[in-house]
Amino acid sequence: MNEKKQKIITTSIDLFAEKGFYTTSIQEITEKSKVSKGAFYLHFHSKDELMLEIFKFYYNLMKENIENAFDQQLSHKENFVKQVEVQFYEILKHKSFITTQLKEQAITLNKDLYEFVRIKEFETQKWYKETLIAIYGKEVEPYVIDAGILCEGMKGRYFQVLIHADLDIDIPELASFIVDCLDDIIVGLLAKNKKPILTEEKMAPIFPEIREPEQMLKNEVVNELLEMQRLLNEYELEEKMIIELQGVIDFLITEVKKSDSKEFVIQGLLANFKGIDQFDKYRTSIAEKLDIRLL
């Protein structure tokens, strides 16, 4: 992400937290970001799209930091504690972002943002399943949904307290405390052989289309293609090439969305970006997600 785009994002989230999403104008965003309106619209088509990009920016940052916290030398439970620590540090570091989520209803009116958040909720559910099975074994599988919700509930309440009050709390100690509490709950459930309240089967209707791995991957690919489209104007390419590549991306998006998309068509279209260093990571990522070989 280039410097101007990141500046607009970080400035906007502070303004939204302070004034509210609806009462903050694009004029205010550009003035405080020290960019022109033209530069704003080069990166974002609207304030709604900006809000979506803000969520992507912070969720991806959180995900990257959580993944980087994993240490092969530690046990799965110790890594769980470290990853919960990271979540608290990131929340406290980006209070403005959380404040905006708590005070705004913009998410419910923005279809793309709503879908993005649902995908992240589903990914969180999967993360709990993988993490808890790694710690407790397959016997915990019936309880992974309930345990994940209970853990999110504990973290969420502490998040709110720490955001709204300036308290001297030891974050590593808090993370360990929460994981220990969850451990007591899970050990008790396993010992008593309690019937779970929520199962993956019961949760399936909440994520009907997201639960399809192929559809999830296609949605991610489309998002990457849209990001490529936005980046085209940021790189020093000839205008003719930019127009041609924008057309290629349009064709790619159409083809990827098809239920019977053709591998050879996608291969051929992606080949247009071969040799353009700025798009190498996108070509590779898309090929991996769609399980196709790059030409």
C-alpha atoms as a PDB file:
ATOM      1  CA  MET A   1       0.000   0.000   0.000  1.00  0.00           C
ATOM      2  CA  ASN A   2       1.430   3.358  -0.973  1.00  0.00           C
ATOM      3  CA  GLU A   3       2.031   6.164   1.501  1.00  0.00           C
ATOM      4  CA  LYS A   4      -0.838   8.416   0.363  1.00  0.00           C
ATOM      5  CA  LYS A   5      -3.435   5.670   0.581  1.00  0.00           C
ATOM      6  CA  GLN A   6      -2.285   4.643   4.049  1.00  0.00           C
ATOM      7  CA  LYS A   7      -2.297   8.283   5.169  1.00  0.00           C
ATOM      8  CA  ILE A   8      -5.910   8.705   4.019  1.00  0.00           C
ATOM      9  CA  ILE A   9      -6.906   5.518   5.864  1.00  0.00           C
ATOM     10  CA  THR A  10      -5.230   6.376   9.170  1.00  0.00           C
ATOM     11  CA  THR A  11      -6.456   9.970   9.081  1.00  0.00           C
ATOM     12  CA  SER A  12     -10.011   8.942   8.222  1.00  0.00           C
ATOM     13  CA  ILE A  13     -10.347   6.475  11.050  1.00  0.00           C
ATOM     14  CA  ASP A  14      -9.353   9.170  13.567  1.00  0.00           C
ATOM     15  CA  LEU A  15     -11.920  11.548  12.070  1.00  0.00           C
ATOM     16  CA  PHE A  16     -14.650   8.879  12.051  1.00  0.00           C
ATOM     17  CA  ALA A  17     -13.930   8.056  15.701  1.00  0.00           C
ATOM     18  CA  GLU A  18     -14.045  11.730  16.641  1.00  0.00           C
ATOM     19  CA  LYS A  19     -16.939  13.031  14.514  1.00  0.00           C
ATOM     20  CA  GLY A  20     -18.726   9.954  13.182  1.00  0.00           C
ATOM     21  CA  PHE A  21     -18.754   8.350   9.742  1.00  0.00           C
ATOM     22  CA  TYR A  22     -21.751  10.223   8.364  1.00  0.00           C
ATOM     23  CA  THR A  23     -20.799  13.669   9.653  1.00  0.00           C
ATOM     24  CA  THR A  24     -17.226  13.511   8.337  1.00  0.00           C
ATOM     25  CA  SER A  25     -16.931  14.904   4.810  1.00  0.00           C
ATOM     26  CA  ILE A  26     -14.476  13.884   2.110  1.00  0.00           C
ATOM     27  CA  GLN A  27     -13.315  17.521   2.117  1.00  0.00           C
ATOM     28  CA  GLU A  28     -12.308  17.171   5.792  1.00  0.00           C
ATOM     29  CA  ILE A  29     -10.539  13.892   5.077  1.00  0.00           C
ATOM     30  CA  THR A  30      -8.500  15.341   2.209  1.00  0.00           C
ATOM     31  CA  GLU A  31      -7.598  18.491   4.140  1.00  0.00           C
ATOM     32  CA  LYS A  32      -6.414  16.626   7.223  1.00  0.00           C
ATOM     33  CA  SER A  33      -4.624  14.004   5.078  1.00  0.00           C
ATOM     34  CA  LYS A  34      -2.985  16.811   3.070  1.00  0.00           C
ATOM     35  CA  VAL A  35      -3.998  15.236  -0.242  1.00  0.00           C
ATOM     36  CA  SER A  36      -6.140  16.530  -3.105  1.00  0.00           C
ATOM     37  CA  LYS A  37      -9.662  15.307  -3.819  1.00  0.00           C
ATOM     38  CA  GLY A  38      -8.263  13.857  -7.026  1.00  0.00           C
ATOM     39  CA  ALA A  39      -5.804  11.771  -5.022  1.00  0.00           C
ATOM     40  CA  PHE A  40      -8.651  10.603  -2.766  1.00  0.00           C
ATOM     41  CA  TYR A  41     -10.786   9.438  -5.700  1.00  0.00           C
ATOM     42  CA  LEU A  42      -7.767   7.788  -7.288  1.00  0.00           C
ATOM     43  CA  HIS A  43      -7.715   5.382  -4.335  1.00  0.00           C
ATOM     44  CA  PHE A  44     -11.380   5.289  -3.265  1.00  0.00           C
ATOM     45  CA  HIS A  45     -14.556   5.680  -5.274  1.00  0.00           C
ATOM     46  CA  SER A  46     -16.594   6.688  -2.234  1.00  0.00           C
ATOM     47  CA  LYS A  47     -16.599   7.010   1.552  1.00  0.00           C
ATOM     48  CA  ASP A  48     -18.217   3.561   1.775  1.00  0.00           C
ATOM     49  CA  GLU A  49     -15.309   2.051  -0.154  1.00  0.00           C
ATOM     50  CA  LEU A  50     -12.913   3.894   2.151  1.00  0.00           C
ATOM     51  CA  MET A  51     -14.606   2.325   5.177  1.00  0.00           C
ATOM     52  CA  LEU A  52     -14.232  -1.132   3.608  1.00  0.00           C
ATOM     53  CA  GLU A  53     -10.530  -0.471   2.965  1.00  0.00           C
ATOM     54  CA  ILE A  54     -10.093   0.662   6.571  1.00  0.00           C
ATOM     55  CA  PHE A  55     -11.489  -2.641   7.805  1.00  0.00           C
ATOM     56  CA  LYS A  56      -9.281  -4.599   5.387  1.00  0.00           C
ATOM     57  CA  PHE A  57      -6.233  -2.613   6.470  1.00  0.00           C
ATOM     58  CA  TYR A  58      -6.689  -3.231  10.189  1.00  0.00           C
ATOM     59  CA  TYR A  59      -7.936  -6.822   9.941  1.00  0.00           C
ATOM     60  CA  ASN A  60      -5.024  -7.768   7.684  1.00  0.00           C
ATOM     61  CA  LEU A  61      -2.599  -6.002  10.024  1.00  0.00           C
ATOM     62  CA  MET A  62      -4.047  -7.895  12.999  1.00  0.00           C
ATOM     63  CA  LYS A  63      -3.921 -11.224  11.134  1.00  0.00           C
ATOM     64  CA  GLU A  64      -0.309 -10.693  10.074  1.00  0.00           C
ATOM     65  CA  ASN A  65       0.805  -9.809  13.599  1.00  0.00           C
ATOM     66  CA  ILE A  66      -1.045 -12.780  15.101  1.00  0.00           C
ATOM     67  CA  GLU A  67       0.584 -15.138  12.613  1.00  0.00           C
ATOM     68  CA  ASN A  68       4.013 -13.615  13.286  1.00  0.00           C
ATOM     69  CA  ALA A  69       3.540 -14.180  17.025  1.00  0.00           C
ATOM     70  CA  PHE A  70       3.494 -17.965  16.527  1.00  0.00           C
ATOM     71  CA  ASP A  71       6.732 -19.522  17.775  1.00  0.00           C
ATOM     72  CA  GLN A  72       7.583 -23.104  16.828  1.00  0.00           C
ATOM     73  CA  GLN A  73       9.562 -23.448  20.061  1.00  0.00           C
ATOM     74  CA  LEU A  74       6.458 -22.874  22.218  1.00  0.00           C
ATOM     75  CA  SER A  75       3.574 -25.232  22.982  1.00  0.00           C
ATOM     76  CA  HIS A  76       0.224 -24.671  21.238  1.00  0.00           C
ATOM     77  CA  LYS A  77      -1.251 -23.306  24.448  1.00  0.00           C
ATOM     78  CA  GLU A  78       1.682 -20.908  24.971  1.00  0.00           C
ATOM     79  CA  ASN A  79       1.260 -19.706  21.399  1.00  0.00           C
ATOM     80  CA  PHE A  80      -2.456 -19.197  22.039  1.00  0.00           C
ATOM     81  CA  VAL A  81      -1.592 -16.922  24.966  1.00  0.00           C
ATOM     82  CA  LYS A  82       0.916 -14.996  22.817  1.00  0.00           C
ATOM     83  CA  GLN A  83      -1.652 -14.517  20.064  1.00  0.00           C
ATOM     84  CA  VAL A  84      -4.277 -13.253  22.526  1.00  0.00           C
ATOM     85  CA  GLU A  85      -1.632 -10.818  23.819  1.00  0.00           C
ATOM     86  CA  VAL A  86      -1.119  -9.515  20.287  1.00  0.00           C
ATOM     87  CA  GLN A  87      -4.854  -8.964  19.876  1.00  0.00           C
ATOM     88  CA  PHE A  88      -4.966  -6.800  23.003  1.00  0.00           C
ATOM     89  CA  TYR A  89      -1.884  -4.811  22.015  1.00  0.00           C
ATOM     90  CA  GLU A  90      -3.333  -4.179  18.539  1.00  0.00           C
ATOM     91  CA  ILE A  91      -6.718  -3.145  19.937  1.00  0.00           C
ATOM     92  CA  LEU A  92      -5.101  -0.666  22.320  1.00  0.00           C
ATOM     93  CA  LYS A  93      -2.819   0.596  19.555  1.00  0.00           C
ATOM     94  CA  HIS A  94      -5.795   1.278  17.277  1.00  0.00           C
ATOM     95  CA  LYS A  95      -8.444   2.511  19.697  1.00  0.00           C
ATOM     96  CA  SER A  96      -9.896   4.870  17.089  1.00  0.00           C
ATOM     97  CA  PHE A  97     -10.736   1.971  14.784  1.00  0.00           C
ATOM     98  CA  ILE A  98     -12.529   0.084  17.562  1.00  0.00           C
ATOM     99  CA  THR A  99     -14.353   3.220  18.700  1.00  0.00           C
ATOM    100  CA  THR A 100     -15.703   3.668  15.177  1.00  0.00           C
ATOM    101  CA  GLN A 101     -16.979   0.082  15.125  1.00  0.00           C
ATOM    102  CA  LEU A 102     -18.734   0.564  18.467  1.00  0.00           C
ATOM    103  CA  LYS A 103     -20.434   3.859  17.653  1.00  0.00           C
ATOM    104  CA  GLU A 104     -21.296   3.508  13.943  1.00  0.00           C
ATOM    105  CA  GLN A 105     -23.945   1.520  12.106  1.00  0.00           C
ATOM    106  CA  ALA A 106     -22.253   2.123   8.734  1.00  0.00           C
ATOM    107  CA  ILE A 107     -21.284  -1.537   8.518  1.00  0.00           C
ATOM    108  CA  THR A 108     -24.912  -2.692   8.301  1.00  0.00           C
ATOM    109  CA  LEU A 109     -25.613  -0.349   5.385  1.00  0.00           C
ATOM    110  CA  ASN A 110     -22.522  -1.245   3.371  1.00  0.00           C
ATOM    111  CA  LYS A 111     -23.107  -4.611   1.701  1.00  0.00           C
ATOM    112  CA  ASP A 112     -19.458  -5.199   0.757  1.00  0.00           C
ATOM    113  CA  LEU A 113     -18.290  -4.316   4.261  1.00  0.00           C
ATOM    114  CA  TYR A 114     -20.974  -6.495   5.831  1.00  0.00           C
ATOM    115  CA  GLU A 115     -19.856  -9.460   3.707  1.00  0.00           C
ATOM    116  CA  PHE A 116     -16.200  -8.781   4.525  1.00  0.00           C
ATOM    117  CA  VAL A 117     -16.896  -8.815   8.268  1.00  0.00           C
ATOM    118  CA  ARG A 118     -18.911 -12.051   7.933  1.00  0.00           C
ATOM    119  CA  ILE A 119     -15.970 -13.684   6.150  1.00  0.00           C
ATOM    120  CA  LYS A 120     -13.665 -12.561   8.969  1.00  0.00           C
ATOM    121  CA  GLU A 121     -16.079 -13.977  11.541  1.00  0.00           C
ATOM    122  CA  PHE A 122     -16.010 -17.296   9.706  1.00  0.00           C
ATOM    123  CA  GLU A 123     -12.189 -17.199   9.561  1.00  0.00           C
ATOM    124  CA  THR A 124     -12.107 -16.521  13.312  1.00  0.00           C
ATOM    125  CA  GLN A 125     -14.348 -19.540  13.886  1.00  0.00           C
ATOM    126  CA  LYS A 126     -11.937 -21.685  11.844  1.00  0.00           C
ATOM    127  CA  TRP A 127      -8.955 -20.279  13.751  1.00  0.00           C
ATOM    128  CA  TYR A 128     -10.492 -21.279  17.086  1.00  0.00           C
ATOM    129  CA  LYS A 129     -11.213 -24.756  15.784  1.00  0.00           C
ATOM    130  CA  GLU A 130      -7.633 -25.299  14.571  1.00  0.00           C
ATOM    131  CA  THR A 131      -6.114 -23.743  17.701  1.00  0.00           C
ATOM    132  CA  LEU A 132      -8.233 -25.637  20.231  1.00  0.00           C
ATOM    133  CA  ILE A 133      -7.864 -28.989  18.465  1.00  0.00           C
ATOM    134  CA  ALA A 134      -4.084 -28.431  18.411  1.00  0.00           C
ATOM    135  CA  ILE A 135      -4.176 -27.867  22.191  1.00  0.00           C
ATOM    136  CA  TYR A 136      -6.779 -30.414  23.355  1.00  0.00           C
ATOM    137  CA  GLY A 137      -6.997 -32.949  20.534  1.00  0.00           C
ATOM    138  CA  LYS A 138      -9.970 -34.077  18.439  1.00  0.00           C
ATOM    139  CA  GLU A 139     -12.118 -34.713  21.515  1.00  0.00           C
ATOM    140  CA  VAL A 140     -12.673 -30.950  21.885  1.00  0.00           C
ATOM    141  CA  GLU A 141     -14.146 -30.630  18.382  1.00  0.00           C
ATOM    142  CA  PRO A 142     -17.823 -30.719  19.510  1.00  0.00           C
ATOM    143  CA  TYR A 143     -17.152 -27.707  21.768  1.00  0.00           C
ATOM    144  CA  VAL A 144     -15.040 -25.484  19.473  1.00  0.00           C
ATOM    145  CA  ILE A 145     -17.945 -23.170  18.544  1.00  0.00           C
ATOM    146  CA  ASP A 146     -19.087 -22.684  22.155  1.00  0.00           C
ATOM    147  CA  ALA A 147     -15.500 -22.280  23.379  1.00  0.00           C
ATOM    148  CA  GLY A 148     -14.725 -19.725  20.676  1.00  0.00           C
ATOM    149  CA  ILE A 149     -17.807 -17.674  21.556  1.00  0.00           C
ATOM    150  CA  LEU A 150     -16.976 -17.789  25.269  1.00  0.00           C
ATOM    151  CA  CYS A 151     -13.404 -16.691  24.605  1.00  0.00           C
ATOM    152  CA  GLU A 152     -14.552 -13.873  22.297  1.00  0.00           C
ATOM    153  CA  GLY A 153     -17.006 -12.799  25.003  1.00  0.00           C
ATOM    154  CA  MET A 154     -14.291 -12.604  27.643  1.00  0.00           C
ATOM    155  CA  LYS A 155     -11.891 -10.757  25.355  1.00  0.00           C
ATOM    156  CA  GLY A 156     -14.616  -8.428  24.107  1.00  0.00           C
ATOM    157  CA  ARG A 157     -15.627  -7.265  27.572  1.00  0.00           C
ATOM    158  CA  TYR A 158     -12.013  -6.628  28.561  1.00  0.00           C
ATOM    159  CA  PHE A 159     -11.484  -4.795  25.255  1.00  0.00           C
ATOM    160  CA  GLN A 160     -14.369  -2.459  26.091  1.00  0.00           C
ATOM    161  CA  VAL A 161     -13.066  -1.778  29.598  1.00  0.00           C
ATOM    162  CA  LEU A 162      -9.551  -1.029  28.349  1.00  0.00           C
ATOM    163  CA  ILE A 163     -10.798   1.194  25.521  1.00  0.00           C
ATOM    164  CA  HIS A 164     -13.062   3.302  27.731  1.00  0.00           C
ATOM    165  CA  ALA A 165     -10.837   3.503  30.827  1.00  0.00           C
ATOM    166  CA  ASP A 166      -7.161   4.274  31.325  1.00  0.00           C
ATOM    167  CA  LEU A 167      -6.288   1.314  33.539  1.00  0.00           C
ATOM    168  CA  ASP A 168      -2.894  -0.097  34.369  1.00  0.00           C
ATOM    169  CA  ILE A 169      -3.364  -3.687  33.217  1.00  0.00           C
ATOM    170  CA  ASP A 170      -0.552  -6.137  32.511  1.00  0.00           C
ATOM    171  CA  ILE A 171      -1.483  -7.452  29.043  1.00  0.00           C
ATOM    172  CA  PRO A 172       0.543 -10.712  29.156  1.00  0.00           C
ATOM    173  CA  GLU A 173      -1.016 -11.467  32.562  1.00  0.00           C
ATOM    174  CA  LEU A 174      -4.503 -10.707  31.193  1.00  0.00           C
ATOM    175  CA  ALA A 175      -3.980 -12.923  28.141  1.00  0.00           C
ATOM    176  CA  SER A 176      -2.768 -15.790  30.339  1.00  0.00           C
ATOM    177  CA  PHE A 177      -5.729 -15.261  32.687  1.00  0.00           C
ATOM    178  CA  ILE A 178      -8.260 -15.483  29.837  1.00  0.00           C
ATOM    179  CA  VAL A 179      -6.672 -18.597  28.331  1.00  0.00           C
ATOM    180  CA  ASP A 180      -6.535 -20.236  31.783  1.00  0.00           C
ATOM    181  CA  CYS A 181     -10.246 -19.463  32.308  1.00  0.00           C
ATOM    182  CA  LEU A 182     -11.059 -20.964  28.922  1.00  0.00           C
ATOM    183  CA  ASP A 183      -8.926 -23.980  29.802  1.00  0.00           C
ATOM    184  CA  ASP A 184     -10.973 -24.543  32.978  1.00  0.00           C
ATOM    185  CA  ILE A 185     -14.182 -24.333  30.956  1.00  0.00           C
ATOM    186  CA  ILE A 186     -13.007 -26.780  28.283  1.00  0.00           C
ATOM    187  CA  VAL A 187     -11.583 -29.268  30.788  1.00  0.00           C
ATOM    188  CA  GLY A 188     -14.889 -29.125  32.674  1.00  0.00           C
ATOM    189  CA  LEU A 189     -16.946 -29.682  29.530  1.00  0.00           C
ATOM    190  CA  LEU A 190     -14.816 -32.640  28.510  1.00  0.00           C
ATOM    191  CA  ALA A 191     -14.936 -34.156  32.010  1.00  0.00           C
ATOM    192  CA  LYS A 192     -18.710 -33.803  32.286  1.00  0.00           C
ATOM    193  CA  ASN A 193     -19.332 -34.764  28.653  1.00  0.00           C
ATOM    194  CA  LYS A 194     -21.771 -31.860  28.419  1.00  0.00           C
ATOM    195  CA  LYS A 195     -23.920 -31.502  25.339  1.00  0.00           C
ATOM    196  CA  PRO A 196     -22.674 -28.543  23.238  1.00  0.00           C
ATOM    197  CA  ILE A 197     -25.062 -25.637  22.669  1.00  0.00           C
ATOM    198  CA  LEU A 198     -23.766 -24.633  19.246  1.00  0.00           C
ATOM    199  CA  THR A 199     -22.262 -26.982  16.682  1.00  0.00           C
ATOM    200  CA  GLU A 200     -20.841 -26.440  13.207  1.00  0.00           C
ATOM    201  CA  GLU A 201     -24.051 -27.929  11.784  1.00  0.00           C
ATOM    202  CA  LYS A 202     -26.203 -25.426  13.681  1.00  0.00           C
ATOM    203  CA  MET A 203     -23.962 -22.560  12.581  1.00  0.00           C
ATOM    204  CA  ALA A 204     -24.024 -23.563   8.912  1.00  0.00           C
ATOM    205  CA  PRO A 205     -27.076 -21.407   7.988  1.00  0.00           C
ATOM    206  CA  ILE A 206     -25.285 -18.297   9.301  1.00  0.00           C
ATOM    207  CA  PHE A 207     -22.534 -18.673   6.711  1.00  0.00           C
ATOM    208  CA  PRO A 208     -24.351 -20.366   3.805  1.00  0.00           C
ATOM    209  CA  GLU A 209     -22.229 -19.149   0.893  1.00  0.00           C
ATOM    210  CA  ILE A 210     -19.098 -18.438   2.944  1.00  0.00           C
ATOM    211  CA  ARG A 211     -18.910 -22.066   4.054  1.00  0.00           C
ATOM    212  CA  GLU A 212     -18.198 -23.088   0.461  1.00  0.00           C
ATOM    213  CA  PRO A 213     -14.381 -23.098   0.254  1.00  0.00           C
ATOM    214  CA  GLU A 214     -14.412 -22.588  -3.520  1.00  0.00           C
ATOM    215  CA  GLN A 215     -16.679 -19.549  -3.236  1.00  0.00           C
ATOM    216  CA  MET A 216     -14.574 -18.112  -0.426  1.00  0.00           C
ATOM    217  CA  LEU A 217     -11.447 -18.401  -2.540  1.00  0.00           C
ATOM    218  CA  LYS A 218     -13.170 -16.843  -5.544  1.00  0.00           C
ATOM    219  CA  ASN A 219     -14.288 -13.904  -3.401  1.00  0.00           C
ATOM    220  CA  GLU A 220     -10.707 -13.430  -2.220  1.00  0.00           C
ATOM    221  CA  VAL A 221      -9.430 -13.584  -5.815  1.00  0.00           C
ATOM    222  CA  VAL A 222     -11.946 -10.961  -6.929  1.00  0.00           C
ATOM    223  CA  ASN A 223     -10.808  -8.698  -4.085  1.00  0.00           C
ATOM    224  CA  GLU A 224      -7.186  -9.130  -5.178  1.00  0.00           C
ATOM    225  CA  LEU A 225      -8.123  -8.290  -8.763  1.00  0.00           C
ATOM    226  CA  LEU A 226      -9.904  -5.143  -7.596  1.00  0.00           C
ATOM    227  CA  GLU A 227      -6.790  -4.208  -5.632  1.00  0.00           C
ATOM    228  CA  MET A 228      -4.701  -4.730  -8.791  1.00  0.00           C
ATOM    229  CA  GLN A 229      -7.082  -2.463 -10.667  1.00  0.00           C
ATOM    230  CA  ARG A 230      -6.647   0.279  -8.100  1.00  0.00           C
ATOM    231  CA  LEU A 231      -2.868  -0.097  -8.132  1.00  0.00           C
ATOM    232  CA  LEU A 232      -2.608   0.282 -11.907  1.00  0.00           C
ATOM    233  CA  ASN A 233      -2.774   4.059 -11.679  1.00  0.00           C
ATOM    234  CA  GLU A 234      -0.127   4.177  -8.956  1.00  0.00           C
ATOM    235  CA  TYR A 235       2.656   2.655 -11.031  1.00  0.00           C
ATOM    236  CA  GLU A 236       4.614   4.311 -13.800  1.00  0.00           C
ATOM    237  CA  LEU A 237       3.122   2.457 -16.756  1.00  0.00           C
ATOM    238  CA  GLU A 238       2.209   3.756 -20.186  1.00  0.00           C
ATOM    239  CA  GLU A 239      -1.382   4.954 -20.446  1.00  0.00           C
ATOM    240  CA  LYS A 240      -2.082   2.477 -23.271  1.00  0.00           C
ATOM    241  CA  MET A 241      -0.854  -0.408 -21.116  1.00  0.00           C
ATOM    242  CA  ILE A 242      -2.941   0.761 -18.137  1.00  0.00           C
ATOM    243  CA  ILE A 243      -6.103   0.771 -20.282  1.00  0.00           C
ATOM    244  CA  GLU A 244      -5.309  -2.674 -21.702  1.00  0.00           C
ATOM    245  CA  LEU A 245      -4.585  -4.176 -18.267  1.00  0.00           C
ATOM    246  CA  GLN A 246      -7.757  -2.670 -16.795  1.00  0.00           C
ATOM    247  CA  GLY A 247      -9.657  -4.481 -19.527  1.00  0.00           C
ATOM    248  CA  VAL A 248      -7.811  -7.714 -18.748  1.00  0.00           C
ATOM    249  CA  ILE A 249      -8.765  -7.412 -15.076  1.00  0.00           C
ATOM    250  CA  ASP A 250     -12.419  -6.829 -16.014  1.00  0.00           C
ATOM    251  CA  PHE A 251     -12.360 -10.039 -18.080  1.00  0.00           C
ATOM    252  CA  LEU A 252     -10.643 -11.905 -15.231  1.00  0.00           C
ATOM    253  CA  ILE A 253     -13.250 -10.817 -12.692  1.00  0.00           C
ATOM    254  CA  THR A 254     -16.052 -11.910 -15.028  1.00  0.00           C
ATOM    255  CA  GLU A 255     -14.408 -15.285 -15.668  1.00  0.00           C
ATOM    256  CA  VAL A 256     -13.570 -15.985 -12.007  1.00  0.00           C
ATOM    257  CA  LYS A 257     -17.172 -15.289 -10.953  1.00  0.00           C
ATOM    258  CA  LYS A 258     -18.553 -17.868 -13.409  1.00  0.00           C
ATOM    259  CA  SER A 259     -19.656 -21.188 -11.948  1.00  0.00           C
ATOM    260  CA  ASP A 260     -17.906 -22.927 -14.859  1.00  0.00           C
ATOM    261  CA  SER A 261     -14.843 -20.675 -15.130  1.00  0.00           C
ATOM    262  CA  LYS A 262     -12.183 -22.025 -17.496  1.00  0.00           C
ATOM    263  CA  GLU A 263      -8.666 -22.593 -16.199  1.00  0.00           C
ATOM    264  CA  PHE A 264      -7.009 -21.933 -19.564  1.00  0.00           C
ATOM    265  CA  VAL A 265      -8.819 -18.587 -19.910  1.00  0.00           C
ATOM    266  CA  ILE A 266      -7.621 -17.425 -16.480  1.00  0.00           C
ATOM    267  CA  GLN A 267      -4.091 -18.655 -17.256  1.00  0.00           C
ATOM    268  CA  GLY A 268      -4.029 -16.682 -20.494  1.00  0.00           C
ATOM    269  CA  LEU A 269      -5.355 -13.515 -18.904  1.00  0.00           C
ATOM    270  CA  LEU A 270      -2.910 -13.664 -15.977  1.00  0.00           C
ATOM    271  CA  ALA A 271      -0.046 -14.057 -18.466  1.00  0.00           C
ATOM    272  CA  ASN A 272      -0.616 -10.411 -19.440  1.00  0.00           C
ATOM    273  CA  PHE A 273       0.907  -9.404 -16.091  1.00  0.00           C
ATOM    274  CA  LYS A 274       4.015 -11.559 -16.488  1.00  0.00           C
ATOM    275  CA  GLY A 275       7.177  -9.506 -16.159  1.00  0.00           C
ATOM    276  CA  ILE A 276       5.496  -6.634 -14.290  1.00  0.00           C
ATOM    277  CA  ASP A 277       7.212  -6.906 -10.910  1.00  0.00           C
ATOM    278  CA  GLN A 278       4.540  -4.965  -9.029  1.00  0.00           C
ATOM    279  CA  PHE A 279       1.940  -7.641  -9.788  1.00  0.00           C
ATOM    280  CA  ASP A 280       4.019 -10.787  -9.289  1.00  0.00           C
ATOM    281  CA  LYS A 281       2.678 -11.437  -5.781  1.00  0.00           C
ATOM    282  CA  TYR A 282      -0.907 -11.074  -7.019  1.00  0.00           C
ATOM    283  CA  ARG A 283      -0.364 -13.481  -9.954  1.00  0.00           C
ATOM    284  CA  THR A 284       1.183 -16.030  -7.621  1.00  0.00           C
ATOM    285  CA  SER A 285      -1.517 -15.657  -4.973  1.00  0.00           C
ATOM    286  CA  ILE A 286      -4.364 -15.945  -7.488  1.00  0.00           C
ATOM    287  CA  ALA A 287      -2.806 -18.994  -9.128  1.00  0.00           C
ATOM    288  CA  GLU A 288      -2.402 -20.707  -5.740  1.00  0.00           C
ATOM    289  CA  LYS A 289      -5.969 -19.965  -4.670  1.00  0.00           C
ATOM    290  CA  LEU A 290      -7.471 -21.201  -7.933  1.00  0.00           C
ATOM    291  CA  ASP A 291      -4.972 -24.101  -8.130  1.00  0.00           C
ATOM    292  CA  ILE A 292      -3.788 -23.248 -11.626  1.00  0.00           C
ATOM    293  CA  ARG A 293      -0.327 -23.199 -13.172  1.00  0.00           C
ATOM    294  CA  LEU A 294       1.094 -19.857 -14.254  1.00  0.00           C
ATOM    295  CA  LEU A 295       2.161 -19.585 -17.876  1.00  0.00           C
END
